[in-house]
């Protein structure tokens, strides 16, 4: 964490409202991205965002900037927990139709198969493709927890947090950089092959990849030098 941002946390925790407001503005994107992972009626969207903002505020006041961990890795579980509570409060009692129950069974089986094949949690789009529905229809399927709530889908909370952080990271990237990561790490192409696909030089691919690794390492609170 940069010294300036660490100082903002200290000031906010000492009662400086301006510093706290700056931190909220910087990190509100975490709230928006987490809230978008829960299917809700338009009338309930603001409830989810408000719950997430309150959790973000609490995280700002509690976070220790001297521990060497990233703020995102600390704040996301708190935001996720509060948004999920708000989401559950919006659901009320419901029952699944026969078709929904069958689809839910397919989703669970597909998730297990994809997890074994890929060694990671499948994305919403991968699950939707596997069961033959659109991502939008899959996200709207009523469940006890959102399909997109990756920290709940994963049996390993730390792996779930890493998956969620990775998803947040990807969503914040320009299309070129998202495609670069897809080609390098999903398609396992070399830097030269990736450069040819993207129409840029191998040196540009290398520089962008190093910069992206550093940014992701900062989000995860890890050492990005490797």
C-alpha atoms as a PDB file:
ATOM      1  CA  UNK A   1       0.000   0.000   0.000  1.00  0.00           C
ATOM      2  CA  UNK A   2       1.235   3.461  -0.869  1.00  0.00           C
ATOM      3  CA  UNK A   3       2.185   5.647   2.127  1.00  0.00           C
ATOM      4  CA  UNK A   4      -0.350   8.303   1.115  1.00  0.00           C
ATOM      5  CA  UNK A   5      -3.239   5.861   1.201  1.00  0.00           C
ATOM      6  CA  UNK A   6      -2.062   4.361   4.494  1.00  0.00           C
ATOM      7  CA  UNK A   7      -2.085   7.872   5.931  1.00  0.00           C
ATOM      8  CA  UNK A   8      -5.648   8.376   4.693  1.00  0.00           C
ATOM      9  CA  UNK A   9      -6.720   5.298   6.673  1.00  0.00           C
ATOM     10  CA  UNK A  10      -5.043   6.611   9.806  1.00  0.00           C
ATOM     11  CA  UNK A  11      -6.701   9.996   9.415  1.00  0.00           C
ATOM     12  CA  UNK A  12     -10.112   8.439   8.758  1.00  0.00           C
ATOM     13  CA  UNK A  13      -9.799   6.265  11.846  1.00  0.00           C
ATOM     14  CA  UNK A  14      -8.891   9.360  13.871  1.00  0.00           C
ATOM     15  CA  UNK A  15     -12.148  11.029  12.857  1.00  0.00           C
ATOM     16  CA  UNK A  16     -11.150  12.902   9.688  1.00  0.00           C
ATOM     17  CA  UNK A  17     -14.354  12.805   7.631  1.00  0.00           C
ATOM     18  CA  UNK A  18     -12.668  14.169   4.508  1.00  0.00           C
ATOM     19  CA  UNK A  19     -10.121  11.331   4.535  1.00  0.00           C
ATOM     20  CA  UNK A  20     -12.904   8.785   5.061  1.00  0.00           C
ATOM     21  CA  UNK A  21     -14.878  10.251   2.154  1.00  0.00           C
ATOM     22  CA  UNK A  22     -11.835   9.995  -0.108  1.00  0.00           C
ATOM     23  CA  UNK A  23     -11.405   6.320   0.790  1.00  0.00           C
ATOM     24  CA  UNK A  24     -15.089   5.578   0.210  1.00  0.00           C
ATOM     25  CA  UNK A  25     -14.881   7.202  -3.227  1.00  0.00           C
ATOM     26  CA  UNK A  26     -11.739   5.225  -4.096  1.00  0.00           C
ATOM     27  CA  UNK A  27     -13.099   1.846  -3.057  1.00  0.00           C
ATOM     28  CA  UNK A  28     -16.834   2.096  -3.777  1.00  0.00           C
ATOM     29  CA  UNK A  29     -16.220   0.054  -6.911  1.00  0.00           C
ATOM     30  CA  UNK A  30     -15.846  -3.004  -4.652  1.00  0.00           C
ATOM     31  CA  UNK A  31     -19.398  -2.458  -3.395  1.00  0.00           C
ATOM     32  CA  UNK A  32     -20.798  -2.043  -6.904  1.00  0.00           C
ATOM     33  CA  UNK A  33     -19.080  -5.160  -8.243  1.00  0.00           C
ATOM     34  CA  UNK A  34     -20.138  -7.308  -5.281  1.00  0.00           C
ATOM     35  CA  UNK A  35     -23.752  -6.082  -5.412  1.00  0.00           C
ATOM     36  CA  UNK A  36     -23.948  -6.852  -9.134  1.00  0.00           C
ATOM     37  CA  UNK A  37     -23.326 -10.529  -8.333  1.00  0.00           C
ATOM     38  CA  UNK A  38     -26.723 -10.860  -6.699  1.00  0.00           C
ATOM     39  CA  UNK A  39     -29.885 -11.045  -8.766  1.00  0.00           C
ATOM     40  CA  UNK A  40     -32.507  -8.697  -7.324  1.00  0.00           C
ATOM     41  CA  UNK A  41     -35.460  -6.621  -8.523  1.00  0.00           C
ATOM     42  CA  UNK A  42     -34.574  -3.030  -9.465  1.00  0.00           C
ATOM     43  CA  UNK A  43     -36.358  -1.804  -6.359  1.00  0.00           C
ATOM     44  CA  UNK A  44     -33.958  -3.814  -4.191  1.00  0.00           C
ATOM     45  CA  UNK A  45     -30.718  -2.764  -5.884  1.00  0.00           C
ATOM     46  CA  UNK A  46     -30.283   0.317  -3.715  1.00  0.00           C
ATOM     47  CA  UNK A  47     -30.782  -1.800  -0.571  1.00  0.00           C
ATOM     48  CA  UNK A  48     -27.875  -4.015  -1.615  1.00  0.00           C
ATOM     49  CA  UNK A  49     -25.677  -1.029  -2.415  1.00  0.00           C
ATOM     50  CA  UNK A  50     -26.512   0.653   0.880  1.00  0.00           C
ATOM     51  CA  UNK A  51     -25.637  -2.501   2.825  1.00  0.00           C
ATOM     52  CA  UNK A  52     -22.365  -2.718   0.925  1.00  0.00           C
ATOM     53  CA  UNK A  53     -21.529   0.941   1.563  1.00  0.00           C
ATOM     54  CA  UNK A  54     -22.067   0.515   5.291  1.00  0.00           C
ATOM     55  CA  UNK A  55     -19.769  -2.516   5.264  1.00  0.00           C
ATOM     56  CA  UNK A  56     -17.183  -0.527   3.300  1.00  0.00           C
ATOM     57  CA  UNK A  57     -17.349   2.252   5.881  1.00  0.00           C
ATOM     58  CA  UNK A  58     -16.848  -0.249   8.704  1.00  0.00           C
ATOM     59  CA  UNK A  59     -13.932  -1.835   6.856  1.00  0.00           C
ATOM     60  CA  UNK A  60     -12.259   1.559   6.452  1.00  0.00           C
ATOM     61  CA  UNK A  61     -12.533   2.229  10.181  1.00  0.00           C
ATOM     62  CA  UNK A  62     -11.208  -1.220  11.158  1.00  0.00           C
ATOM     63  CA  UNK A  63      -8.503  -1.863   8.571  1.00  0.00           C
ATOM     64  CA  UNK A  64      -4.899  -1.846   9.788  1.00  0.00           C
ATOM     65  CA  UNK A  65      -2.777  -0.279   7.011  1.00  0.00           C
ATOM     66  CA  UNK A  66       0.418  -1.480   8.692  1.00  0.00           C
ATOM     67  CA  UNK A  67      -0.324  -5.223   8.493  1.00  0.00           C
ATOM     68  CA  UNK A  68       0.950  -5.597   4.938  1.00  0.00           C
ATOM     69  CA  UNK A  69      -2.317  -6.905   3.466  1.00  0.00           C
ATOM     70  CA  UNK A  70      -4.348  -5.199   0.758  1.00  0.00           C
ATOM     71  CA  UNK A  71      -7.513  -3.347   1.677  1.00  0.00           C
ATOM     72  CA  UNK A  72      -9.531  -5.265  -0.935  1.00  0.00           C
ATOM     73  CA  UNK A  73      -8.656  -8.646   0.598  1.00  0.00           C
ATOM     74  CA  UNK A  74      -9.861  -7.331   3.971  1.00  0.00           C
ATOM     75  CA  UNK A  75     -12.957  -5.464   2.788  1.00  0.00           C
ATOM     76  CA  UNK A  76     -14.469  -7.850   0.231  1.00  0.00           C
ATOM     77  CA  UNK A  77     -15.543 -10.559   2.741  1.00  0.00           C
ATOM     78  CA  UNK A  78     -17.202  -7.906   4.944  1.00  0.00           C
ATOM     79  CA  UNK A  79     -18.988  -6.318   1.993  1.00  0.00           C
ATOM     80  CA  UNK A  80     -19.991  -9.716   0.624  1.00  0.00           C
ATOM     81  CA  UNK A  81     -21.444 -10.798   3.964  1.00  0.00           C
ATOM     82  CA  UNK A  82     -23.554  -7.666   4.435  1.00  0.00           C
ATOM     83  CA  UNK A  83     -24.770  -7.572   0.838  1.00  0.00           C
ATOM     84  CA  UNK A  84     -25.717 -11.237   1.042  1.00  0.00           C
ATOM     85  CA  UNK A  85     -27.732 -10.598   4.228  1.00  0.00           C
ATOM     86  CA  UNK A  86     -29.562  -7.759   2.503  1.00  0.00           C
ATOM     87  CA  UNK A  87     -30.148  -9.938  -0.560  1.00  0.00           C
ATOM     88  CA  UNK A  88     -31.607 -12.748   1.563  1.00  0.00           C
ATOM     89  CA  UNK A  89     -33.912 -10.236   3.223  1.00  0.00           C
ATOM     90  CA  UNK A  90     -35.290  -9.274  -0.181  1.00  0.00           C
ATOM     91  CA  UNK A  91     -36.068 -12.838  -1.240  1.00  0.00           C
ATOM     92  CA  UNK A  92     -38.825 -13.838   1.133  1.00  0.00           C
ATOM     93  CA  UNK A  93     -40.239 -17.365   0.991  1.00  0.00           C
ATOM     94  CA  UNK A  94     -40.198 -18.985  -2.433  1.00  0.00           C
ATOM     95  CA  UNK A  95     -40.593 -22.415  -3.979  1.00  0.00           C
ATOM     96  CA  UNK A  96     -38.857 -23.795  -7.023  1.00  0.00           C
ATOM     97  CA  UNK A  97     -40.805 -25.062 -10.006  1.00  0.00           C
ATOM     98  CA  UNK A  98     -40.062 -28.532 -11.358  1.00  0.00           C
ATOM     99  CA  UNK A  99     -38.097 -27.007 -14.236  1.00  0.00           C
ATOM    100  CA  UNK A 100     -36.060 -24.833 -11.882  1.00  0.00           C
ATOM    101  CA  UNK A 101     -35.244 -27.820  -9.689  1.00  0.00           C
ATOM    102  CA  UNK A 102     -34.055 -29.789 -12.721  1.00  0.00           C
ATOM    103  CA  UNK A 103     -31.931 -26.866 -13.901  1.00  0.00           C
ATOM    104  CA  UNK A 104     -30.454 -26.425 -10.442  1.00  0.00           C
ATOM    105  CA  UNK A 105     -29.463 -30.099 -10.415  1.00  0.00           C
ATOM    106  CA  UNK A 106     -27.778 -29.686 -13.806  1.00  0.00           C
ATOM    107  CA  UNK A 107     -25.928 -26.622 -12.555  1.00  0.00           C
ATOM    108  CA  UNK A 108     -24.582 -28.454  -9.517  1.00  0.00           C
ATOM    109  CA  UNK A 109     -23.395 -31.395 -11.619  1.00  0.00           C
ATOM    110  CA  UNK A 110     -21.843 -29.080 -14.209  1.00  0.00           C
ATOM    111  CA  UNK A 111     -20.096 -27.100 -11.494  1.00  0.00           C
ATOM    112  CA  UNK A 112     -18.527 -30.275 -10.071  1.00  0.00           C
ATOM    113  CA  UNK A 113     -17.392 -31.449 -13.527  1.00  0.00           C
ATOM    114  CA  UNK A 114     -15.931 -28.066 -14.493  1.00  0.00           C
ATOM    115  CA  UNK A 115     -14.174 -27.733 -11.155  1.00  0.00           C
ATOM    116  CA  UNK A 116     -12.463 -31.100 -11.696  1.00  0.00           C
ATOM    117  CA  UNK A 117     -11.592 -30.326 -15.319  1.00  0.00           C
ATOM    118  CA  UNK A 118     -10.301 -26.794 -14.822  1.00  0.00           C
ATOM    119  CA  UNK A 119      -8.980 -26.952 -11.269  1.00  0.00           C
ATOM    120  CA  UNK A 120     -10.841 -23.753 -10.353  1.00  0.00           C
ATOM    121  CA  UNK A 121     -14.362 -22.474  -9.819  1.00  0.00           C
ATOM    122  CA  UNK A 122     -16.232 -22.112 -13.130  1.00  0.00           C
ATOM    123  CA  UNK A 123     -17.457 -18.699 -14.170  1.00  0.00           C
ATOM    124  CA  UNK A 124     -21.137 -17.934 -14.544  1.00  0.00           C
ATOM    125  CA  UNK A 125     -20.752 -17.954 -18.340  1.00  0.00           C
ATOM    126  CA  UNK A 126     -19.042 -21.368 -18.288  1.00  0.00           C
ATOM    127  CA  UNK A 127     -21.827 -22.809 -16.136  1.00  0.00           C
ATOM    128  CA  UNK A 128     -24.487 -21.309 -18.380  1.00  0.00           C
ATOM    129  CA  UNK A 129     -22.856 -22.773 -21.496  1.00  0.00           C
ATOM    130  CA  UNK A 130     -22.562 -26.176 -19.833  1.00  0.00           C
ATOM    131  CA  UNK A 131     -26.277 -26.367 -19.002  1.00  0.00           C
ATOM    132  CA  UNK A 132     -27.509 -24.655 -22.181  1.00  0.00           C
ATOM    133  CA  UNK A 133     -29.005 -21.422 -20.845  1.00  0.00           C
ATOM    134  CA  UNK A 134     -28.001 -17.771 -20.998  1.00  0.00           C
ATOM    135  CA  UNK A 135     -25.899 -16.271 -18.181  1.00  0.00           C
ATOM    136  CA  UNK A 136     -28.788 -13.880 -17.474  1.00  0.00           C
ATOM    137  CA  UNK A 137     -31.275 -16.742 -17.026  1.00  0.00           C
ATOM    138  CA  UNK A 138     -28.854 -18.612 -14.817  1.00  0.00           C
ATOM    139  CA  UNK A 139     -28.231 -15.563 -12.620  1.00  0.00           C
ATOM    140  CA  UNK A 140     -31.988 -15.132 -12.191  1.00  0.00           C
ATOM    141  CA  UNK A 141     -32.477 -18.691 -10.910  1.00  0.00           C
ATOM    142  CA  UNK A 142     -33.821 -18.426  -7.329  1.00  0.00           C
ATOM    143  CA  UNK A 143     -31.481 -20.062  -4.836  1.00  0.00           C
ATOM    144  CA  UNK A 144     -30.546 -19.828  -1.188  1.00  0.00           C
ATOM    145  CA  UNK A 145     -27.410 -18.031  -2.345  1.00  0.00           C
ATOM    146  CA  UNK A 146     -26.473 -16.223  -5.534  1.00  0.00           C
ATOM    147  CA  UNK A 147     -24.798 -18.349  -8.186  1.00  0.00           C
ATOM    148  CA  UNK A 148     -22.366 -15.519  -8.613  1.00  0.00           C
ATOM    149  CA  UNK A 149     -21.477 -15.391  -4.922  1.00  0.00           C
ATOM    150  CA  UNK A 150     -18.139 -17.094  -5.513  1.00  0.00           C
ATOM    151  CA  UNK A 151     -17.085 -17.131  -1.898  1.00  0.00           C
ATOM    152  CA  UNK A 152     -20.195 -19.202  -1.109  1.00  0.00           C
ATOM    153  CA  UNK A 153     -19.937 -21.485  -4.157  1.00  0.00           C
ATOM    154  CA  UNK A 154     -16.398 -22.487  -3.304  1.00  0.00           C
ATOM    155  CA  UNK A 155     -15.903 -25.087  -0.544  1.00  0.00           C
ATOM    156  CA  UNK A 156     -12.645 -23.288   0.306  1.00  0.00           C
ATOM    157  CA  UNK A 157     -13.325 -19.744   1.608  1.00  0.00           C
ATOM    158  CA  UNK A 158      -9.827 -18.526   0.729  1.00  0.00           C
ATOM    159  CA  UNK A 159     -10.119 -19.927  -2.785  1.00  0.00           C
ATOM    160  CA  UNK A 160     -13.538 -18.319  -3.081  1.00  0.00           C
ATOM    161  CA  UNK A 161     -12.157 -14.945  -2.035  1.00  0.00           C
ATOM    162  CA  UNK A 162      -9.323 -15.288  -4.530  1.00  0.00           C
ATOM    163  CA  UNK A 163     -11.830 -16.158  -7.267  1.00  0.00           C
ATOM    164  CA  UNK A 164     -13.981 -13.177  -6.377  1.00  0.00           C
ATOM    165  CA  UNK A 165     -10.975 -10.855  -6.288  1.00  0.00           C
ATOM    166  CA  UNK A 166      -9.827 -12.190  -9.676  1.00  0.00           C
ATOM    167  CA  UNK A 167     -13.297 -11.574 -11.111  1.00  0.00           C
ATOM    168  CA  UNK A 168     -13.370  -8.028  -9.735  1.00  0.00           C
ATOM    169  CA  UNK A 169      -9.907  -7.457 -11.164  1.00  0.00           C
ATOM    170  CA  UNK A 170     -10.918  -8.647 -14.639  1.00  0.00           C
ATOM    171  CA  UNK A 171     -14.086  -6.577 -14.704  1.00  0.00           C
ATOM    172  CA  UNK A 172     -12.078  -3.428 -14.076  1.00  0.00           C
ATOM    173  CA  UNK A 173      -9.706  -3.979 -17.010  1.00  0.00           C
ATOM    174  CA  UNK A 174      -9.922  -2.539 -20.532  1.00  0.00           C
ATOM    175  CA  UNK A 175     -10.878  -5.107 -23.223  1.00  0.00           C
ATOM    176  CA  UNK A 176      -7.312  -5.403 -24.566  1.00  0.00           C
ATOM    177  CA  UNK A 177      -5.875  -6.334 -21.178  1.00  0.00           C
ATOM    178  CA  UNK A 178      -8.705  -8.789 -20.431  1.00  0.00           C
ATOM    179  CA  UNK A 179      -8.067 -10.496 -23.760  1.00  0.00           C
ATOM    180  CA  UNK A 180      -4.316 -10.574 -23.067  1.00  0.00           C
ATOM    181  CA  UNK A 181      -4.895 -12.439 -19.803  1.00  0.00           C
ATOM    182  CA  UNK A 182      -7.380 -14.805 -21.449  1.00  0.00           C
ATOM    183  CA  UNK A 183      -4.919 -15.711 -24.197  1.00  0.00           C
ATOM    184  CA  UNK A 184      -1.956 -16.094 -21.855  1.00  0.00           C
ATOM    185  CA  UNK A 185      -3.561 -17.979 -18.977  1.00  0.00           C
ATOM    186  CA  UNK A 186      -6.745 -19.588 -20.298  1.00  0.00           C
ATOM    187  CA  UNK A 187      -5.515 -20.444 -23.802  1.00  0.00           C
ATOM    188  CA  UNK A 188      -1.910 -20.902 -22.604  1.00  0.00           C
ATOM    189  CA  UNK A 189      -0.442 -19.027 -25.581  1.00  0.00           C
ATOM    190  CA  UNK A 190       3.130 -17.764 -25.566  1.00  0.00           C
ATOM    191  CA  UNK A 191       3.866 -14.045 -25.406  1.00  0.00           C
ATOM    192  CA  UNK A 192       4.760 -14.097 -29.125  1.00  0.00           C
ATOM    193  CA  UNK A 193       1.490 -15.833 -30.045  1.00  0.00           C
ATOM    194  CA  UNK A 194      -0.476 -13.448 -27.840  1.00  0.00           C
ATOM    195  CA  UNK A 195       1.224 -10.460 -29.463  1.00  0.00           C
ATOM    196  CA  UNK A 196       0.265 -11.733 -32.926  1.00  0.00           C
ATOM    197  CA  UNK A 197      -3.367 -12.220 -31.896  1.00  0.00           C
ATOM    198  CA  UNK A 198      -3.574  -8.737 -30.368  1.00  0.00           C
ATOM    199  CA  UNK A 199      -1.596  -6.935 -33.050  1.00  0.00           C
ATOM    200  CA  UNK A 200       1.028  -5.589 -30.655  1.00  0.00           C
ATOM    201  CA  UNK A 201       4.676  -6.406 -30.002  1.00  0.00           C
ATOM    202  CA  UNK A 202       5.979  -9.159 -27.719  1.00  0.00           C
ATOM    203  CA  UNK A 203       7.677  -6.467 -25.619  1.00  0.00           C
ATOM    204  CA  UNK A 204       4.332  -4.725 -25.116  1.00  0.00           C
ATOM    205  CA  UNK A 205       2.738  -8.001 -24.038  1.00  0.00           C
ATOM    206  CA  UNK A 206       5.562  -8.562 -21.555  1.00  0.00           C
ATOM    207  CA  UNK A 207       5.273  -5.052 -20.086  1.00  0.00           C
ATOM    208  CA  UNK A 208       1.492  -5.220 -19.790  1.00  0.00           C
ATOM    209  CA  UNK A 209       1.658  -8.666 -18.205  1.00  0.00           C
ATOM    210  CA  UNK A 210       4.175  -7.524 -15.582  1.00  0.00           C
ATOM    211  CA  UNK A 211       2.039  -4.482 -14.763  1.00  0.00           C
ATOM    212  CA  UNK A 212      -1.096  -6.629 -14.452  1.00  0.00           C
ATOM    213  CA  UNK A 213       0.688  -9.098 -12.177  1.00  0.00           C
ATOM    214  CA  UNK A 214       1.736  -6.247  -9.892  1.00  0.00           C
ATOM    215  CA  UNK A 215      -1.797  -4.863  -9.764  1.00  0.00           C
ATOM    216  CA  UNK A 216      -3.313  -8.258  -8.991  1.00  0.00           C
ATOM    217  CA  UNK A 217      -0.669  -8.963  -6.340  1.00  0.00           C
ATOM    218  CA  UNK A 218      -1.567  -5.688  -4.665  1.00  0.00           C
ATOM    219  CA  UNK A 219      -5.249  -6.668  -4.607  1.00  0.00           C
ATOM    220  CA  UNK A 220      -4.438 -10.044  -3.073  1.00  0.00           C
ATOM    221  CA  UNK A 221      -1.848  -8.663  -0.680  1.00  0.00           C
ATOM    222  CA  UNK A 222       0.788 -10.964  -2.185  1.00  0.00           C
ATOM    223  CA  UNK A 223       4.292 -10.612  -3.534  1.00  0.00           C
ATOM    224  CA  UNK A 224       3.970  -9.865  -7.243  1.00  0.00           C
ATOM    225  CA  UNK A 225       7.665 -10.002  -8.063  1.00  0.00           C
ATOM    226  CA  UNK A 226       7.639 -13.565  -9.386  1.00  0.00           C
END
